[in-house]
Amino acid sequence: MGMKMAMLVYNEAVEEEVMEVMAKCGVSNYTKIAGVHGKGAGSGAHLGTDVWPGQNNLLYVACSQEQAENLASGIGALREKIRHEGVKIFIMPLEKAV
C-alpha cells in the first residue's frame, strides 16, 4: 500500500479536538502551519481581521493508507460534532518522501 499525504485545515478554536483525533489514530508526526487564512462554504471566512475574525491552522501528515482512512473517519465524526467551527481533511497520494 502506498503512502498518503493528509492535509487538515481547521479553525484554531478546535486545536485540542483535532489533536485528540490524531492521537486516537496513532498519528504523532506532522507539520503544522498556524494562522492561515481562508474561506469555506460552510465555515465562512477566517481572515484574522476585525471584520472576518479567526484563523485556521493547517496540518500536513505523511502516513500509511490505513492511518489516512482512520484520520478521515475521525475527522468526519468531529465535523458532525462541531459543524459551525470548521474542520476538513484532504487525502492525496504521496509519491516520494526524502
N, C-alpha and C. Protein backbone atom coordinates (compact mmCIF):
# COMPACT_ATOMS: atom_id res chain seq x y z
N MET A 1 0.83 -1.19 0.00
CA MET A 1 0.00 0.00 0.00
C MET A 1 0.86 1.24 0.00
N GLY A 2 0.44 2.24 -0.77
CA GLY A 2 1.21 3.47 -0.88
C GLY A 2 1.00 4.40 0.30
N MET A 3 1.91 5.33 0.39
CA MET A 3 1.80 6.35 1.43
C MET A 3 0.82 7.42 0.98
N LYS A 4 0.28 8.14 1.95
CA LYS A 4 -0.68 9.21 1.70
C LYS A 4 -0.20 10.49 2.38
N MET A 5 -0.65 11.61 1.85
CA MET A 5 -0.44 12.91 2.49
C MET A 5 -1.82 13.43 2.87
N ALA A 6 -2.05 13.56 4.15
CA ALA A 6 -3.31 14.13 4.64
C ALA A 6 -3.05 15.60 4.95
N MET A 7 -3.97 16.44 4.51
CA MET A 7 -3.91 17.86 4.81
C MET A 7 -5.17 18.20 5.59
N LEU A 8 -5.01 18.65 6.81
CA LEU A 8 -6.13 19.03 7.65
C LEU A 8 -6.15 20.54 7.79
N VAL A 9 -7.30 21.14 7.55
CA VAL A 9 -7.50 22.58 7.72
C VAL A 9 -8.61 22.74 8.73
N TYR A 10 -8.36 23.52 9.78
CA TYR A 10 -9.34 23.62 10.86
C TYR A 10 -9.24 24.95 11.58
N ASN A 11 -10.35 25.36 12.15
CA ASN A 11 -10.42 26.57 12.96
C ASN A 11 -9.50 26.39 14.16
N GLU A 12 -8.71 27.41 14.45
CA GLU A 12 -7.77 27.32 15.58
C GLU A 12 -8.47 27.03 16.90
N ALA A 13 -9.76 27.32 16.99
CA ALA A 13 -10.51 27.09 18.22
C ALA A 13 -10.69 25.60 18.53
N VAL A 14 -10.52 24.73 17.53
CA VAL A 14 -10.72 23.29 17.76
C VAL A 14 -9.40 22.52 17.71
N GLU A 15 -8.31 23.19 18.00
CA GLU A 15 -6.98 22.57 18.01
C GLU A 15 -6.95 21.32 18.89
N GLU A 16 -7.45 21.43 20.10
CA GLU A 16 -7.41 20.31 21.04
C GLU A 16 -8.17 19.10 20.50
N GLU A 17 -9.34 19.32 19.94
CA GLU A 17 -10.16 18.24 19.40
C GLU A 17 -9.48 17.55 18.22
N VAL A 18 -8.84 18.33 17.36
CA VAL A 18 -8.13 17.76 16.21
C VAL A 18 -6.95 16.92 16.69
N MET A 19 -6.21 17.42 17.67
CA MET A 19 -5.07 16.66 18.21
C MET A 19 -5.53 15.37 18.90
N GLU A 20 -6.70 15.38 19.50
CA GLU A 20 -7.25 14.16 20.10
C GLU A 20 -7.54 13.12 19.02
N VAL A 21 -8.11 13.55 17.90
CA VAL A 21 -8.38 12.64 16.78
C VAL A 21 -7.06 12.07 16.27
N MET A 22 -6.05 12.92 16.11
CA MET A 22 -4.75 12.46 15.64
C MET A 22 -4.18 11.39 16.58
N ALA A 23 -4.24 11.64 17.88
CA ALA A 23 -3.71 10.69 18.86
C ALA A 23 -4.47 9.37 18.80
N LYS A 24 -5.79 9.41 18.69
CA LYS A 24 -6.59 8.19 18.61
C LYS A 24 -6.26 7.37 17.37
N CYS A 25 -5.81 8.05 16.32
CA CYS A 25 -5.45 7.37 15.07
C CYS A 25 -3.99 6.93 15.05
N GLY A 26 -3.28 7.17 16.13
CA GLY A 26 -1.88 6.77 16.21
C GLY A 26 -0.95 7.64 15.40
N VAL A 27 -1.35 8.87 15.13
CA VAL A 27 -0.53 9.80 14.35
C VAL A 27 0.11 10.79 15.29
N SER A 28 1.44 10.80 15.31
CA SER A 28 2.15 11.74 16.19
C SER A 28 3.09 12.66 15.41
N ASN A 29 3.33 12.37 14.15
CA ASN A 29 4.23 13.18 13.34
C ASN A 29 3.43 14.03 12.35
N TYR A 30 3.74 15.30 12.30
CA TYR A 30 3.01 16.21 11.41
C TYR A 30 3.81 17.50 11.25
N THR A 31 3.43 18.27 10.27
CA THR A 31 3.94 19.63 10.09
C THR A 31 2.75 20.57 10.24
N LYS A 32 2.90 21.56 11.12
CA LYS A 32 1.80 22.48 11.39
C LYS A 32 2.14 23.88 10.88
N ILE A 33 1.18 24.47 10.20
CA ILE A 33 1.28 25.87 9.81
C ILE A 33 0.14 26.58 10.51
N ALA A 34 0.47 27.47 11.42
CA ALA A 34 -0.54 28.16 12.22
C ALA A 34 -0.89 29.50 11.58
N GLY A 35 -2.13 29.92 11.80
CA GLY A 35 -2.55 31.25 11.38
C GLY A 35 -2.78 31.40 9.89
N VAL A 36 -3.31 30.37 9.25
CA VAL A 36 -3.62 30.51 7.83
C VAL A 36 -5.01 31.09 7.66
N HIS A 37 -5.21 31.78 6.55
CA HIS A 37 -6.48 32.44 6.29
C HIS A 37 -7.18 31.78 5.12
N GLY A 38 -8.51 31.85 5.13
CA GLY A 38 -9.27 31.28 4.03
C GLY A 38 -10.76 31.44 4.24
N LYS A 39 -11.50 30.89 3.29
CA LYS A 39 -12.95 30.97 3.34
C LYS A 39 -13.51 29.64 2.88
N GLY A 40 -14.40 29.09 3.69
CA GLY A 40 -15.04 27.83 3.36
C GLY A 40 -16.53 28.04 3.14
N ALA A 41 -17.12 27.16 2.34
CA ALA A 41 -18.55 27.27 2.05
C ALA A 41 -19.39 27.13 3.32
N GLY A 42 -18.98 26.23 4.22
CA GLY A 42 -19.75 26.00 5.43
C GLY A 42 -19.27 26.79 6.64
N SER A 43 -17.99 27.11 6.69
CA SER A 43 -17.44 27.75 7.88
C SER A 43 -17.27 29.25 7.75
N GLY A 44 -17.42 29.78 6.55
CA GLY A 44 -17.27 31.22 6.35
C GLY A 44 -15.81 31.63 6.29
N ALA A 45 -15.58 32.94 6.32
CA ALA A 45 -14.23 33.49 6.19
C ALA A 45 -13.53 33.53 7.54
N HIS A 46 -12.26 33.18 7.52
CA HIS A 46 -11.36 33.30 8.67
C HIS A 46 -10.13 34.04 8.15
N LEU A 47 -10.16 35.36 8.29
CA LEU A 47 -9.11 36.18 7.70
C LEU A 47 -8.27 36.93 8.73
N GLY A 48 -8.54 36.70 10.02
CA GLY A 48 -7.76 37.34 11.07
C GLY A 48 -7.92 38.84 11.13
N THR A 49 -9.07 39.37 10.69
CA THR A 49 -9.31 40.81 10.71
C THR A 49 -10.47 41.12 11.64
N ASP A 50 -10.72 42.39 11.86
CA ASP A 50 -11.87 42.78 12.69
C ASP A 50 -13.18 42.38 12.04
N VAL A 51 -13.25 42.50 10.74
CA VAL A 51 -14.47 42.16 10.02
C VAL A 51 -14.63 40.63 9.91
N TRP A 52 -13.55 39.94 9.61
CA TRP A 52 -13.56 38.47 9.47
C TRP A 52 -12.57 37.88 10.47
N PRO A 53 -12.97 37.80 11.75
CA PRO A 53 -12.03 37.32 12.78
C PRO A 53 -11.78 35.82 12.69
N GLY A 54 -10.80 35.38 13.44
CA GLY A 54 -10.47 33.97 13.50
C GLY A 54 -9.46 33.59 12.44
N GLN A 55 -8.76 32.50 12.72
CA GLN A 55 -7.77 31.97 11.80
C GLN A 55 -7.89 30.46 11.78
N ASN A 56 -7.29 29.87 10.78
CA ASN A 56 -7.22 28.42 10.68
C ASN A 56 -5.80 27.95 10.92
N ASN A 57 -5.68 26.69 11.20
CA ASN A 57 -4.39 26.02 11.23
C ASN A 57 -4.41 24.95 10.16
N LEU A 58 -3.24 24.56 9.71
CA LEU A 58 -3.11 23.55 8.68
C LEU A 58 -2.10 22.51 9.14
N LEU A 59 -2.44 21.25 9.02
CA LEU A 59 -1.52 20.16 9.34
C LEU A 59 -1.27 19.33 8.10
N TYR A 60 -0.01 19.00 7.85
CA TYR A 60 0.36 18.02 6.84
C TYR A 60 0.81 16.77 7.57
N VAL A 61 0.26 15.63 7.16
CA VAL A 61 0.59 14.36 7.80
C VAL A 61 0.94 13.34 6.72
N ALA A 62 2.18 12.90 6.69
CA ALA A 62 2.58 11.80 5.81
C ALA A 62 2.30 10.51 6.58
N CYS A 63 1.48 9.64 5.99
CA CYS A 63 1.04 8.47 6.75
C CYS A 63 0.71 7.29 5.82
N SER A 64 0.41 6.17 6.43
CA SER A 64 0.00 4.99 5.68
C SER A 64 -1.44 5.14 5.21
N GLN A 65 -1.83 4.29 4.28
CA GLN A 65 -3.21 4.27 3.79
C GLN A 65 -4.18 4.05 4.95
N GLU A 66 -3.85 3.13 5.85
CA GLU A 66 -4.72 2.82 6.98
C GLU A 66 -4.86 4.03 7.91
N GLN A 67 -3.76 4.69 8.22
CA GLN A 67 -3.83 5.88 9.08
C GLN A 67 -4.65 6.98 8.41
N ALA A 68 -4.49 7.14 7.10
CA ALA A 68 -5.25 8.16 6.37
C ALA A 68 -6.75 7.87 6.45
N GLU A 69 -7.12 6.62 6.29
CA GLU A 69 -8.53 6.25 6.37
C GLU A 69 -9.07 6.48 7.78
N ASN A 70 -8.26 6.13 8.79
CA ASN A 70 -8.68 6.36 10.18
C ASN A 70 -8.81 7.85 10.48
N LEU A 71 -7.87 8.65 9.96
CA LEU A 71 -7.96 10.10 10.15
C LEU A 71 -9.21 10.66 9.48
N ALA A 72 -9.48 10.21 8.26
CA ALA A 72 -10.67 10.71 7.55
C ALA A 72 -11.93 10.37 8.31
N SER A 73 -11.99 9.17 8.86
CA SER A 73 -13.15 8.76 9.65
C SER A 73 -13.28 9.60 10.92
N GLY A 74 -12.16 9.77 11.62
CA GLY A 74 -12.17 10.55 12.86
C GLY A 74 -12.51 12.02 12.63
N ILE A 75 -11.98 12.60 11.56
CA ILE A 75 -12.28 14.00 11.25
C ILE A 75 -13.73 14.13 10.80
N GLY A 76 -14.23 13.13 10.08
CA GLY A 76 -15.64 13.14 9.68
C GLY A 76 -16.56 13.18 10.90
N ALA A 77 -16.24 12.37 11.90
CA ALA A 77 -17.03 12.36 13.14
C ALA A 77 -16.92 13.70 13.87
N LEU A 78 -15.72 14.28 13.87
CA LEU A 78 -15.53 15.57 14.52
C LEU A 78 -16.32 16.66 13.80
N ARG A 79 -16.36 16.60 12.47
CA ARG A 79 -17.14 17.58 11.69
C ARG A 79 -18.62 17.53 12.08
N GLU A 80 -19.13 16.34 12.28
CA GLU A 80 -20.53 16.20 12.68
C GLU A 80 -20.77 16.82 14.06
N LYS A 81 -19.78 16.68 14.92
CA LYS A 81 -19.91 17.16 16.30
C LYS A 81 -19.81 18.69 16.39
N ILE A 82 -18.92 19.29 15.61
CA ILE A 82 -18.64 20.73 15.74
C ILE A 82 -18.79 21.44 14.40
N ARG A 83 -19.86 21.24 13.73
CA ARG A 83 -20.10 21.77 12.37
C ARG A 83 -19.74 23.24 12.21
N HIS A 84 -20.15 24.07 13.12
CA HIS A 84 -20.01 25.52 12.96
C HIS A 84 -18.57 26.01 13.04
N GLU A 85 -17.66 25.25 13.56
CA GLU A 85 -16.27 25.71 13.73
C GLU A 85 -15.41 25.48 12.49
N GLY A 86 -15.68 24.46 11.72
CA GLY A 86 -14.92 24.21 10.50
C GLY A 86 -13.70 23.33 10.71
N VAL A 87 -13.74 22.16 10.11
CA VAL A 87 -12.59 21.26 10.06
C VAL A 87 -12.76 20.39 8.82
N LYS A 88 -11.68 20.21 8.08
CA LYS A 88 -11.75 19.46 6.84
C LYS A 88 -10.44 18.71 6.63
N ILE A 89 -10.54 17.55 5.97
CA ILE A 89 -9.35 16.77 5.66
C ILE A 89 -9.33 16.46 4.16
N PHE A 90 -8.16 16.52 3.59
CA PHE A 90 -7.92 16.17 2.19
C PHE A 90 -6.87 15.08 2.17
N ILE A 91 -7.10 14.01 1.44
CA ILE A 91 -6.15 12.90 1.35
C ILE A 91 -5.62 12.84 -0.08
N MET A 92 -4.29 12.83 -0.20
CA MET A 92 -3.65 12.80 -1.52
C MET A 92 -2.59 11.71 -1.56
N PRO A 93 -2.27 11.21 -2.74
CA PRO A 93 -1.17 10.24 -2.83
C PRO A 93 0.15 10.93 -2.51
N LEU A 94 1.05 10.20 -1.91
CA LEU A 94 2.39 10.71 -1.61
C LEU A 94 3.36 9.95 -2.48
N GLU A 95 3.89 10.60 -3.49
CA GLU A 95 4.77 9.97 -4.46
C GLU A 95 6.13 9.59 -3.86
N LYS A 96 6.73 10.53 -3.13
CA LYS A 96 8.07 10.29 -2.60
C LYS A 96 8.32 11.19 -1.42
N ALA A 97 9.03 10.69 -0.42
CA ALA A 97 9.49 11.49 0.71
C ALA A 97 10.97 11.19 0.89
N VAL A 98 11.78 12.22 0.94
CA VAL A 98 13.23 12.05 1.05
C VAL A 98 13.72 12.72 2.31
